[in-house]
mmCIF file of all heavy atoms, coordinates in Angstrom:
data_MODEL
# 
_entry.id   MODEL 
# 
loop_
_atom_site.group_PDB 
_atom_site.id 
_atom_site.type_symbol 
_atom_site.label_atom_id 
_atom_site.label_alt_id 
_atom_site.label_comp_id 
_atom_site.label_asym_id 
_atom_site.label_entity_id 
_atom_site.label_seq_id 
_atom_site.pdbx_PDB_ins_code 
_atom_site.Cartn_x 
_atom_site.Cartn_y 
_atom_site.Cartn_z 
_atom_site.occupancy 
_atom_site.B_iso_or_equiv 
_atom_site.pdbx_formal_charge 
_atom_site.auth_seq_id 
_atom_site.auth_comp_id 
_atom_site.auth_asym_id 
_atom_site.auth_atom_id 
_atom_site.pdbx_PDB_model_num 
ATOM 1   N N   . ILE A 1 1  ? 0.842   -1.204 0.016  1.00 0.00 ? 1  ILE A N   1 
ATOM 2   C CA  . ILE A 1 1  ? -0.025  0.012  0.004  1.00 0.00 ? 1  ILE A CA  1 
ATOM 3   C C   . ILE A 1 1  ? 0.875   1.244  -0.014 1.00 0.00 ? 1  ILE A C   1 
ATOM 4   O O   . ILE A 1 1  ? 1.850   1.312  0.776  1.00 0.00 ? 1  ILE A O   1 
ATOM 5   C CB  . ILE A 1 1  ? -0.937  0.028  1.215  1.00 0.00 ? 1  ILE A CB  1 
ATOM 6   C CG1 . ILE A 1 1  ? -2.008  -1.081 1.068  1.00 0.00 ? 1  ILE A CG1 1 
ATOM 7   C CG2 . ILE A 1 1  ? -1.621  1.379  1.378  1.00 0.00 ? 1  ILE A CG2 1 
ATOM 8   C CD1 . ILE A 1 1  ? -2.942  -1.214 2.229  1.00 0.00 ? 1  ILE A CD1 1 
ATOM 9   N N   . VAL A 1 2  ? 0.553   2.210  -0.861 1.00 0.00 ? 2  VAL A N   1 
ATOM 10  C CA  . VAL A 1 2  ? 1.243   3.500  -0.859 1.00 0.00 ? 2  VAL A CA  1 
ATOM 11  C C   . VAL A 1 2  ? 0.764   4.268  0.351  1.00 0.00 ? 2  VAL A C   1 
ATOM 12  O O   . VAL A 1 2  ? -0.448  4.416  0.585  1.00 0.00 ? 2  VAL A O   1 
ATOM 13  C CB  . VAL A 1 2  ? 0.920   4.279  -2.182 1.00 0.00 ? 2  VAL A CB  1 
ATOM 14  C CG1 . VAL A 1 2  ? 1.566   5.647  -2.105 1.00 0.00 ? 2  VAL A CG1 1 
ATOM 15  C CG2 . VAL A 1 2  ? 1.371   3.526  -3.397 1.00 0.00 ? 2  VAL A CG2 1 
ATOM 16  N N   . ASP A 1 3  ? 1.698   4.781  1.118  1.00 0.00 ? 3  ASP A N   1 
ATOM 17  C CA  . ASP A 1 3  ? 1.366   5.533  2.323  1.00 0.00 ? 3  ASP A CA  1 
ATOM 18  C C   . ASP A 1 3  ? 1.364   7.014  2.004  1.00 0.00 ? 3  ASP A C   1 
ATOM 19  O O   . ASP A 1 3  ? 2.247   7.464  1.269  1.00 0.00 ? 3  ASP A O   1 
ATOM 20  C CB  . ASP A 1 3  ? 2.405   5.237  3.406  1.00 0.00 ? 3  ASP A CB  1 
ATOM 21  C CG  . ASP A 1 3  ? 1.789   4.858  4.718  1.00 0.00 ? 3  ASP A CG  1 
ATOM 22  O OD1 . ASP A 1 3  ? 0.561   4.679  4.770  1.00 0.00 ? 3  ASP A OD1 1 
ATOM 23  O OD2 . ASP A 1 3  ? 2.526   4.795  5.703  1.00 0.00 ? 3  ASP A OD2 1 
ATOM 24  N N   . PRO A 1 4  ? 0.476   7.796  2.526  1.00 0.00 ? 4  PRO A N   1 
ATOM 25  C CA  . PRO A 1 4  ? -0.605  7.429  3.389  1.00 0.00 ? 4  PRO A CA  1 
ATOM 26  C C   . PRO A 1 4  ? -1.875  7.137  2.585  1.00 0.00 ? 4  PRO A C   1 
ATOM 27  O O   . PRO A 1 4  ? -2.051  7.648  1.462  1.00 0.00 ? 4  PRO A O   1 
ATOM 28  C CB  . PRO A 1 4  ? -0.801  8.704  4.233  1.00 0.00 ? 4  PRO A CB  1 
ATOM 29  C CG  . PRO A 1 4  ? -0.483  9.788  3.252  1.00 0.00 ? 4  PRO A CG  1 
ATOM 30  C CD  . PRO A 1 4  ? 0.626   9.260  2.365  1.00 0.00 ? 4  PRO A CD  1 
ATOM 31  N N   . PRO A 1 5  ? -2.801  6.376  3.145  1.00 0.00 ? 5  PRO A N   1 
ATOM 32  C CA  . PRO A 1 5  ? -4.118  6.228  2.496  1.00 0.00 ? 5  PRO A CA  1 
ATOM 33  C C   . PRO A 1 5  ? -4.941  7.466  2.745  1.00 0.00 ? 5  PRO A C   1 
ATOM 34  O O   . PRO A 1 5  ? -4.615  8.255  3.639  1.00 0.00 ? 5  PRO A O   1 
ATOM 35  C CB  . PRO A 1 5  ? -4.740  5.021  3.217  1.00 0.00 ? 5  PRO A CB  1 
ATOM 36  C CG  . PRO A 1 5  ? -4.080  5.030  4.587  1.00 0.00 ? 5  PRO A CG  1 
ATOM 37  C CD  . PRO A 1 5  ? -2.694  5.587  4.391  1.00 0.00 ? 5  PRO A CD  1 
ATOM 38  N N   . VAL A 1 6  ? -6.004  7.619  1.965  1.00 0.00 ? 6  VAL A N   1 
ATOM 39  C CA  . VAL A 1 6  ? -6.981  8.666  2.285  1.00 0.00 ? 6  VAL A CA  1 
ATOM 40  C C   . VAL A 1 6  ? -7.900  8.019  3.318  1.00 0.00 ? 6  VAL A C   1 
ATOM 41  O O   . VAL A 1 6  ? -8.429  6.941  3.115  1.00 0.00 ? 6  VAL A O   1 
ATOM 42  C CB  . VAL A 1 6  ? -7.765  9.088  1.056  1.00 0.00 ? 6  VAL A CB  1 
ATOM 43  C CG1 . VAL A 1 6  ? -9.029  9.906  1.453  1.00 0.00 ? 6  VAL A CG1 1 
ATOM 44  C CG2 . VAL A 1 6  ? -6.918  9.960  0.141  1.00 0.00 ? 6  VAL A CG2 1 
ATOM 45  N N   . GLN A 1 7  ? -8.095  8.715  4.424  1.00 0.00 ? 7  GLN A N   1 
ATOM 46  C CA  . GLN A 1 7  ? -8.915  8.163  5.512  1.00 0.00 ? 7  GLN A CA  1 
ATOM 47  C C   . GLN A 1 7  ? -9.984  9.151  5.883  1.00 0.00 ? 7  GLN A C   1 
ATOM 48  O O   . GLN A 1 7  ? -9.725  10.356 6.033  1.00 0.00 ? 7  GLN A O   1 
ATOM 49  C CB  . GLN A 1 7  ? -8.054  7.853  6.726  1.00 0.00 ? 7  GLN A CB  1 
ATOM 50  C CG  . GLN A 1 7  ? -8.840  7.308  7.891  1.00 0.00 ? 7  GLN A CG  1 
ATOM 51  C CD  . GLN A 1 7  ? -7.966  7.060  9.115  1.00 0.00 ? 7  GLN A CD  1 
ATOM 52  O OE1 . GLN A 1 7  ? -6.826  7.436  9.175  1.00 0.00 ? 7  GLN A OE1 1 
ATOM 53  N NE2 . GLN A 1 7  ? -8.538  6.374  10.083 1.00 0.00 ? 7  GLN A NE2 1 
ATOM 54  N N   . ILE A 1 8  ? -11.190 8.682  6.055  1.00 0.00 ? 8  ILE A N   1 
ATOM 55  C CA  . ILE A 1 8  ? -12.250 9.430  6.686  1.00 0.00 ? 8  ILE A CA  1 
ATOM 56  C C   . ILE A 1 8  ? -12.257 8.931  8.136  1.00 0.00 ? 8  ILE A C   1 
ATOM 57  O O   . ILE A 1 8  ? -12.763 7.852  8.416  1.00 0.00 ? 8  ILE A O   1 
ATOM 58  C CB  . ILE A 1 8  ? -13.630 9.241  6.036  1.00 0.00 ? 8  ILE A CB  1 
ATOM 59  C CG1 . ILE A 1 8  ? -13.618 9.685  4.582  1.00 0.00 ? 8  ILE A CG1 1 
ATOM 60  C CG2 . ILE A 1 8  ? -14.714 9.965  6.820  1.00 0.00 ? 8  ILE A CG2 1 
ATOM 61  C CD1 . ILE A 1 8  ? -14.917 9.497  3.857  1.00 0.00 ? 8  ILE A CD1 1 
ATOM 62  N N   . PRO A 1 9  ? -11.606 9.663  9.024  1.00 0.00 ? 9  PRO A N   1 
ATOM 63  C CA  . PRO A 1 9  ? -11.488 9.193  10.422 1.00 0.00 ? 9  PRO A CA  1 
ATOM 64  C C   . PRO A 1 9  ? -12.750 9.361  11.235 1.00 0.00 ? 9  PRO A C   1 
ATOM 65  O O   . PRO A 1 9  ? -13.651 10.160 10.866 1.00 0.00 ? 9  PRO A O   1 
ATOM 66  C CB  . PRO A 1 9  ? -10.359 10.075 10.986 1.00 0.00 ? 9  PRO A CB  1 
ATOM 67  C CG  . PRO A 1 9  ? -10.415 11.328 10.174 1.00 0.00 ? 9  PRO A CG  1 
ATOM 68  C CD  . PRO A 1 9  ? -10.913 10.946 8.795  1.00 0.00 ? 9  PRO A CD  1 
ATOM 69  N N   . THR A 1 10 ? -12.825 8.641  12.319 1.00 0.00 ? 10 THR A N   1 
ATOM 70  C CA  . THR A 1 10 ? -13.985 8.666  13.212 1.00 0.00 ? 10 THR A CA  1 
ATOM 71  C C   . THR A 1 10 ? -13.912 9.863  14.154 1.00 0.00 ? 10 THR A C   1 
ATOM 72  O O   . THR A 1 10 ? -14.932 10.270 14.700 1.00 0.00 ? 10 THR A O   1 
ATOM 73  C CB  . THR A 1 10 ? -14.087 7.385  14.041 1.00 0.00 ? 10 THR A CB  1 
ATOM 74  O OG1 . THR A 1 10 ? -12.915 7.370  14.894 1.00 0.00 ? 10 THR A OG1 1 
ATOM 75  C CG2 . THR A 1 10 ? -14.155 6.153  13.193 1.00 0.00 ? 10 THR A CG2 1 
ATOM 76  N N   . GLY A 1 11 ? -12.697 10.352 14.419 1.00 0.00 ? 11 GLY A N   1 
ATOM 77  C CA  . GLY A 1 11 ? -12.532 11.365 15.447 1.00 0.00 ? 11 GLY A CA  1 
ATOM 78  C C   . GLY A 1 11 ? -12.195 10.759 16.801 1.00 0.00 ? 11 GLY A C   1 
ATOM 79  O O   . GLY A 1 11 ? -11.970 11.449 17.777 1.00 0.00 ? 11 GLY A O   1 
ATOM 80  N N   . ASP A 1 12 ? -12.199 9.417  16.879 1.00 0.00 ? 12 ASP A N   1 
ATOM 81  C CA  . ASP A 1 12 ? -11.857 8.715  18.112 1.00 0.00 ? 12 ASP A CA  1 
ATOM 82  C C   . ASP A 1 12 ? -10.576 7.967  17.864 1.00 0.00 ? 12 ASP A C   1 
ATOM 83  O O   . ASP A 1 12 ? -10.492 7.114  16.970 1.00 0.00 ? 12 ASP A O   1 
ATOM 84  C CB  . ASP A 1 12 ? -12.980 7.730  18.464 1.00 0.00 ? 12 ASP A CB  1 
ATOM 85  C CG  . ASP A 1 12 ? -12.721 6.977  19.741 1.00 0.00 ? 12 ASP A CG  1 
ATOM 86  O OD1 . ASP A 1 12 ? -11.858 6.068  19.719 1.00 0.00 ? 12 ASP A OD1 1 
ATOM 87  O OD2 . ASP A 1 12 ? -13.342 7.293  20.771 1.00 0.00 ? 12 ASP A OD2 1 
ATOM 88  N N   . LYS A 1 13 ? -9.538  8.268  18.659 1.00 0.00 ? 13 LYS A N   1 
ATOM 89  C CA  . LYS A 1 13 ? -8.191  7.701  18.404 1.00 0.00 ? 13 LYS A CA  1 
ATOM 90  C C   . LYS A 1 13 ? -8.217  6.186  18.461 1.00 0.00 ? 13 LYS A C   1 
ATOM 91  O O   . LYS A 1 13 ? -7.551  5.510  17.639 1.00 0.00 ? 13 LYS A O   1 
ATOM 92  C CB  . LYS A 1 13 ? -7.199  8.257  19.416 1.00 0.00 ? 13 LYS A CB  1 
ATOM 93  C CG  . LYS A 1 13 ? -6.839  9.704  19.155 1.00 0.00 ? 13 LYS A CG  1 
ATOM 94  C CD  . LYS A 1 13 ? -5.876  10.232 20.170 1.00 0.00 ? 13 LYS A CD  1 
ATOM 95  C CE  . LYS A 1 13 ? -5.644  11.724 19.928 1.00 0.00 ? 13 LYS A CE  1 
ATOM 96  N NZ  . LYS A 1 13 ? -4.763  12.285 20.920 1.00 0.00 ? 13 LYS A NZ  1 
ATOM 97  N N   . ASP A 1 14 ? -8.938  5.596  19.396 1.00 0.00 ? 14 ASP A N   1 
ATOM 98  C CA  . ASP A 1 14 ? -8.978  4.135  19.525 1.00 0.00 ? 14 ASP A CA  1 
ATOM 99  C C   . ASP A 1 14 ? -9.632  3.482  18.315 1.00 0.00 ? 14 ASP A C   1 
ATOM 100 O O   . ASP A 1 14 ? -9.127  2.469  17.807 1.00 0.00 ? 14 ASP A O   1 
ATOM 101 C CB  . ASP A 1 14 ? -9.685  3.711  20.822 1.00 0.00 ? 14 ASP A CB  1 
ATOM 102 C CG  . ASP A 1 14 ? -8.903  4.068  22.086 1.00 0.00 ? 14 ASP A CG  1 
ATOM 103 O OD1 . ASP A 1 14 ? -7.664  4.132  21.996 1.00 0.00 ? 14 ASP A OD1 1 
ATOM 104 O OD2 . ASP A 1 14 ? -9.565  4.308  23.115 1.00 0.00 ? 14 ASP A OD2 1 
ATOM 105 N N   . LEU A 1 15 ? -10.717 4.036  17.863 1.00 0.00 ? 15 LEU A N   1 
ATOM 106 C CA  . LEU A 1 15 ? -11.401 3.481  16.704 1.00 0.00 ? 15 LEU A CA  1 
ATOM 107 C C   . LEU A 1 15 ? -10.553 3.634  15.418 1.00 0.00 ? 15 LEU A C   1 
ATOM 108 O O   . LEU A 1 15 ? -10.408 2.691  14.642 1.00 0.00 ? 15 LEU A O   1 
ATOM 109 C CB  . LEU A 1 15 ? -12.758 4.183  16.466 1.00 0.00 ? 15 LEU A CB  1 
ATOM 110 C CG  . LEU A 1 15 ? -13.846 3.964  17.536 1.00 0.00 ? 15 LEU A CG  1 
ATOM 111 C CD1 . LEU A 1 15 ? -15.110 4.769  17.186 1.00 0.00 ? 15 LEU A CD1 1 
ATOM 112 C CD2 . LEU A 1 15 ? -14.191 2.494  17.704 1.00 0.00 ? 15 LEU A CD2 1 
ATOM 113 N N   . ASP A 1 16 ? -9.940  4.804  15.263 1.00 0.00 ? 16 ASP A N   1 
ATOM 114 C CA  . ASP A 1 16 ? -9.069  5.023  14.103 1.00 0.00 ? 16 ASP A CA  1 
ATOM 115 C C   . ASP A 1 16 ? -7.854  4.092  14.118 1.00 0.00 ? 16 ASP A C   1 
ATOM 116 O O   . ASP A 1 16 ? -7.477  3.521  13.084 1.00 0.00 ? 16 ASP A O   1 
ATOM 117 C CB  . ASP A 1 16 ? -8.638  6.500  14.012 1.00 0.00 ? 16 ASP A CB  1 
ATOM 118 C CG  . ASP A 1 16 ? -9.762  7.410  13.696 1.00 0.00 ? 16 ASP A CG  1 
ATOM 119 O OD1 . ASP A 1 16 ? -10.807 6.965  13.177 1.00 0.00 ? 16 ASP A OD1 1 
ATOM 120 O OD2 . ASP A 1 16 ? -9.622  8.649  13.959 1.00 0.00 ? 16 ASP A OD2 1 
ATOM 121 N N   . ARG A 1 17 ? -7.265  3.888  15.252 1.00 0.00 ? 17 ARG A N   1 
ATOM 122 C CA  . ARG A 1 17 ? -6.111  2.994  15.402 1.00 0.00 ? 17 ARG A CA  1 
ATOM 123 C C   . ARG A 1 17 ? -6.509  1.538  15.044 1.00 0.00 ? 17 ARG A C   1 
ATOM 124 O O   . ARG A 1 17 ? -5.814  0.875  14.322 1.00 0.00 ? 17 ARG A O   1 
ATOM 125 C CB  . ARG A 1 17 ? -5.561  3.036  16.811 1.00 0.00 ? 17 ARG A CB  1 
ATOM 126 C CG  . ARG A 1 17 ? -4.201  2.387  16.959 1.00 0.00 ? 17 ARG A CG  1 
ATOM 127 C CD  . ARG A 1 17 ? -3.578  2.589  18.328 1.00 0.00 ? 17 ARG A CD  1 
ATOM 128 N NE  . ARG A 1 17 ? -3.572  3.983  18.732 1.00 0.00 ? 17 ARG A NE  1 
ATOM 129 C CZ  . ARG A 1 17 ? -4.179  4.483  19.836 1.00 0.00 ? 17 ARG A CZ  1 
ATOM 130 N NH1 . ARG A 1 17 ? -4.805  3.691  20.683 1.00 0.00 ? 17 ARG A NH1 1 
ATOM 131 N NH2 . ARG A 1 17 ? -4.157  5.757  20.098 1.00 0.00 ? 17 ARG A NH2 1 
ATOM 132 N N   . ALA A 1 18 ? -7.684  1.104  15.533 1.00 0.00 ? 18 ALA A N   1 
ATOM 133 C CA  . ALA A 1 18 ? -8.171  -0.251 15.223 1.00 0.00 ? 18 ALA A CA  1 
ATOM 134 C C   . ALA A 1 18 ? -8.431  -0.404 13.715 1.00 0.00 ? 18 ALA A C   1 
ATOM 135 O O   . ALA A 1 18 ? -8.117  -1.439 13.135 1.00 0.00 ? 18 ALA A O   1 
ATOM 136 C CB  . ALA A 1 18 ? -9.445  -0.546 16.010 1.00 0.00 ? 18 ALA A CB  1 
ATOM 137 N N   . ALA A 1 19 ? -8.929  0.638  13.069 1.00 0.00 ? 19 ALA A N   1 
ATOM 138 C CA  . ALA A 1 19 ? -9.172  0.592  11.627 1.00 0.00 ? 19 ALA A CA  1 
ATOM 139 C C   . ALA A 1 19 ? -7.859  0.469  10.864 1.00 0.00 ? 19 ALA A C   1 
ATOM 140 O O   . ALA A 1 19 ? -7.753  -0.305 9.898  1.00 0.00 ? 19 ALA A O   1 
ATOM 141 C CB  . ALA A 1 19 ? -9.963  1.805  11.182 1.00 0.00 ? 19 ALA A CB  1 
ATOM 142 N N   . LEU A 1 20 ? -6.842  1.210  11.287 1.00 0.00 ? 20 LEU A N   1 
ATOM 143 C CA  . LEU A 1 20 ? -5.534  1.118  10.636 1.00 0.00 ? 20 LEU A CA  1 
ATOM 144 C C   . LEU A 1 20 ? -4.866  -0.253 10.809 1.00 0.00 ? 20 LEU A C   1 
ATOM 145 O O   . LEU A 1 20 ? -4.257  -0.781 9.911  1.00 0.00 ? 20 LEU A O   1 
ATOM 146 C CB  . LEU A 1 20 ? -4.589  2.227  11.169 1.00 0.00 ? 20 LEU A CB  1 
ATOM 147 C CG  . LEU A 1 20 ? -4.884  3.636  10.679 1.00 0.00 ? 20 LEU A CG  1 
ATOM 148 C CD1 . LEU A 1 20 ? -4.114  4.696  11.474 1.00 0.00 ? 20 LEU A CD1 1 
ATOM 149 C CD2 . LEU A 1 20 ? -4.546  3.758  9.170  1.00 0.00 ? 20 LEU A CD2 1 
ATOM 150 N N   . VAL A 1 21 ? -5.065  -0.857 11.986 1.00 0.00 ? 21 VAL A N   1 
ATOM 151 C CA  . VAL A 1 21 ? -4.568  -2.217 12.229 1.00 0.00 ? 21 VAL A CA  1 
ATOM 152 C C   . VAL A 1 21 ? -5.192  -3.184 11.237 1.00 0.00 ? 21 VAL A C   1 
ATOM 153 O O   . VAL A 1 21 ? -4.543  -4.013 10.625 1.00 0.00 ? 21 VAL A O   1 
ATOM 154 C CB  . VAL A 1 21 ? -4.775  -2.637 13.680 1.00 0.00 ? 21 VAL A CB  1 
ATOM 155 C CG1 . VAL A 1 21 ? -4.556  -4.140 13.874 1.00 0.00 ? 21 VAL A CG1 1 
ATOM 156 C CG2 . VAL A 1 21 ? -3.868  -1.838 14.615 1.00 0.00 ? 21 VAL A CG2 1 
ATOM 157 N N   . SER A 1 22 ? -6.535  -3.073 11.042 1.00 0.00 ? 22 SER A N   1 
ATOM 158 C CA  . SER A 1 22 ? -7.225  -3.952 10.112 1.00 0.00 ? 22 SER A CA  1 
ATOM 159 C C   . SER A 1 22 ? -6.767  -3.713 8.678  1.00 0.00 ? 22 SER A C   1 
ATOM 160 O O   . SER A 1 22 ? -6.654  -4.647 7.909  1.00 0.00 ? 22 SER A O   1 
ATOM 161 C CB  . SER A 1 22 ? -8.730  -3.782 10.199 1.00 0.00 ? 22 SER A CB  1 
ATOM 162 O OG  . SER A 1 22 ? -9.174  -4.306 11.394 1.00 0.00 ? 22 SER A OG  1 
ATOM 163 N N   . LEU A 1 23 ? -6.486  -2.491 8.339  1.00 0.00 ? 23 LEU A N   1 
ATOM 164 C CA  . LEU A 1 23 ? -5.982  -2.180 6.992  1.00 0.00 ? 23 LEU A CA  1 
ATOM 165 C C   . LEU A 1 23 ? -4.608  -2.817 6.808  1.00 0.00 ? 23 LEU A C   1 
ATOM 166 O O   . LEU A 1 23 ? -4.331  -3.340 5.707  1.00 0.00 ? 23 LEU A O   1 
ATOM 167 C CB  . LEU A 1 23 ? -5.890  -0.641 6.799  1.00 0.00 ? 23 LEU A CB  1 
ATOM 168 C CG  . LEU A 1 23 ? -5.535  -0.187 5.400  1.00 0.00 ? 23 LEU A CG  1 
ATOM 169 C CD1 . LEU A 1 23 ? -6.588  -0.642 4.392  1.00 0.00 ? 23 LEU A CD1 1 
ATOM 170 C CD2 . LEU A 1 23 ? -5.403  1.307  5.367  1.00 0.00 ? 23 LEU A CD2 1 
ATOM 171 N N   . LYS A 1 24 ? -3.759  -2.807 7.816  1.00 0.00 ? 24 LYS A N   1 
ATOM 172 C CA  . LYS A 1 24 ? -2.445  -3.473 7.720  1.00 0.00 ? 24 LYS A CA  1 
ATOM 173 C C   . LYS A 1 24 ? -2.612  -4.982 7.539  1.00 0.00 ? 24 LYS A C   1 
ATOM 174 O O   . LYS A 1 24 ? -1.831  -5.621 6.823  1.00 0.00 ? 24 LYS A O   1 
ATOM 175 C CB  . LYS A 1 24 ? -1.593  -3.166 8.953  1.00 0.00 ? 24 LYS A CB  1 
ATOM 176 C CG  . LYS A 1 24 ? -1.106  -1.749 8.973  1.00 0.00 ? 24 LYS A CG  1 
ATOM 177 C CD  . LYS A 1 24 ? -0.148  -1.427 7.846  1.00 0.00 ? 24 LYS A CD  1 
ATOM 178 C CE  . LYS A 1 24 ? 0.352   -0.025 7.904  1.00 0.00 ? 24 LYS A CE  1 
ATOM 179 N NZ  . LYS A 1 24 ? 1.100   0.377  6.728  1.00 0.00 ? 24 LYS A NZ  1 
ATOM 180 N N   . LYS A 1 25 ? -3.597  -5.558 8.225  1.00 0.00 ? 25 LYS A N   1 
ATOM 181 C CA  . LYS A 1 25 ? -3.861  -7.008 8.026  1.00 0.00 ? 25 LYS A CA  1 
ATOM 182 C C   . LYS A 1 25 ? -4.263  -7.282 6.562  1.00 0.00 ? 25 LYS A C   1 
ATOM 183 O O   . LYS A 1 25 ? -3.845  -8.283 6.007  1.00 0.00 ? 25 LYS A O   1 
ATOM 184 C CB  . LYS A 1 25 ? -4.947  -7.492 8.985  1.00 0.00 ? 25 LYS A CB  1 
ATOM 185 C CG  . LYS A 1 25 ? -4.482  -7.570 10.414 1.00 0.00 ? 25 LYS A CG  1 
ATOM 186 C CD  . LYS A 1 25 ? -5.599  -8.043 11.303 1.00 0.00 ? 25 LYS A CD  1 
ATOM 187 C CE  . LYS A 1 25 ? -5.237  -7.987 12.762 1.00 0.00 ? 25 LYS A CE  1 
ATOM 188 N NZ  . LYS A 1 25 ? -6.357  -8.286 13.658 1.00 0.00 ? 25 LYS A NZ  1 
ATOM 189 N N   . PHE A 1 26 ? -5.083  -6.403 6.016  1.00 0.00 ? 26 PHE A N   1 
ATOM 190 C CA  . PHE A 1 26 ? -5.484  -6.539 4.606  1.00 0.00 ? 26 PHE A CA  1 
ATOM 191 C C   . PHE A 1 26 ? -4.231  -6.529 3.731  1.00 0.00 ? 26 PHE A C   1 
ATOM 192 O O   . PHE A 1 26 ? -4.089  -7.347 2.836  1.00 0.00 ? 26 PHE A O   1 
ATOM 193 C CB  . PHE A 1 26 ? -6.452  -5.452 4.198  1.00 0.00 ? 26 PHE A CB  1 
ATOM 194 C CG  . PHE A 1 26 ? -6.688  -5.351 2.722  1.00 0.00 ? 26 PHE A CG  1 
ATOM 195 C CD1 . PHE A 1 26 ? -7.564  -6.225 2.052  1.00 0.00 ? 26 PHE A CD1 1 
ATOM 196 C CD2 . PHE A 1 26 ? -6.055  -4.392 1.956  1.00 0.00 ? 26 PHE A CD2 1 
ATOM 197 C CE1 . PHE A 1 26 ? -7.739  -6.169 0.689  1.00 0.00 ? 26 PHE A CE1 1 
ATOM 198 C CE2 . PHE A 1 26 ? -6.217  -4.296 0.587  1.00 0.00 ? 26 PHE A CE2 1 
ATOM 199 C CZ  . PHE A 1 26 ? -7.054  -5.200 -0.022 1.00 0.00 ? 26 PHE A CZ  1 
# 
């Protein structure tokens, strides 16, 4: 994946971090 992705964040650091972890798994 080319960094950085375009992200529509949640505004919650924990939720955004969990989403990035799942993206790395993908």
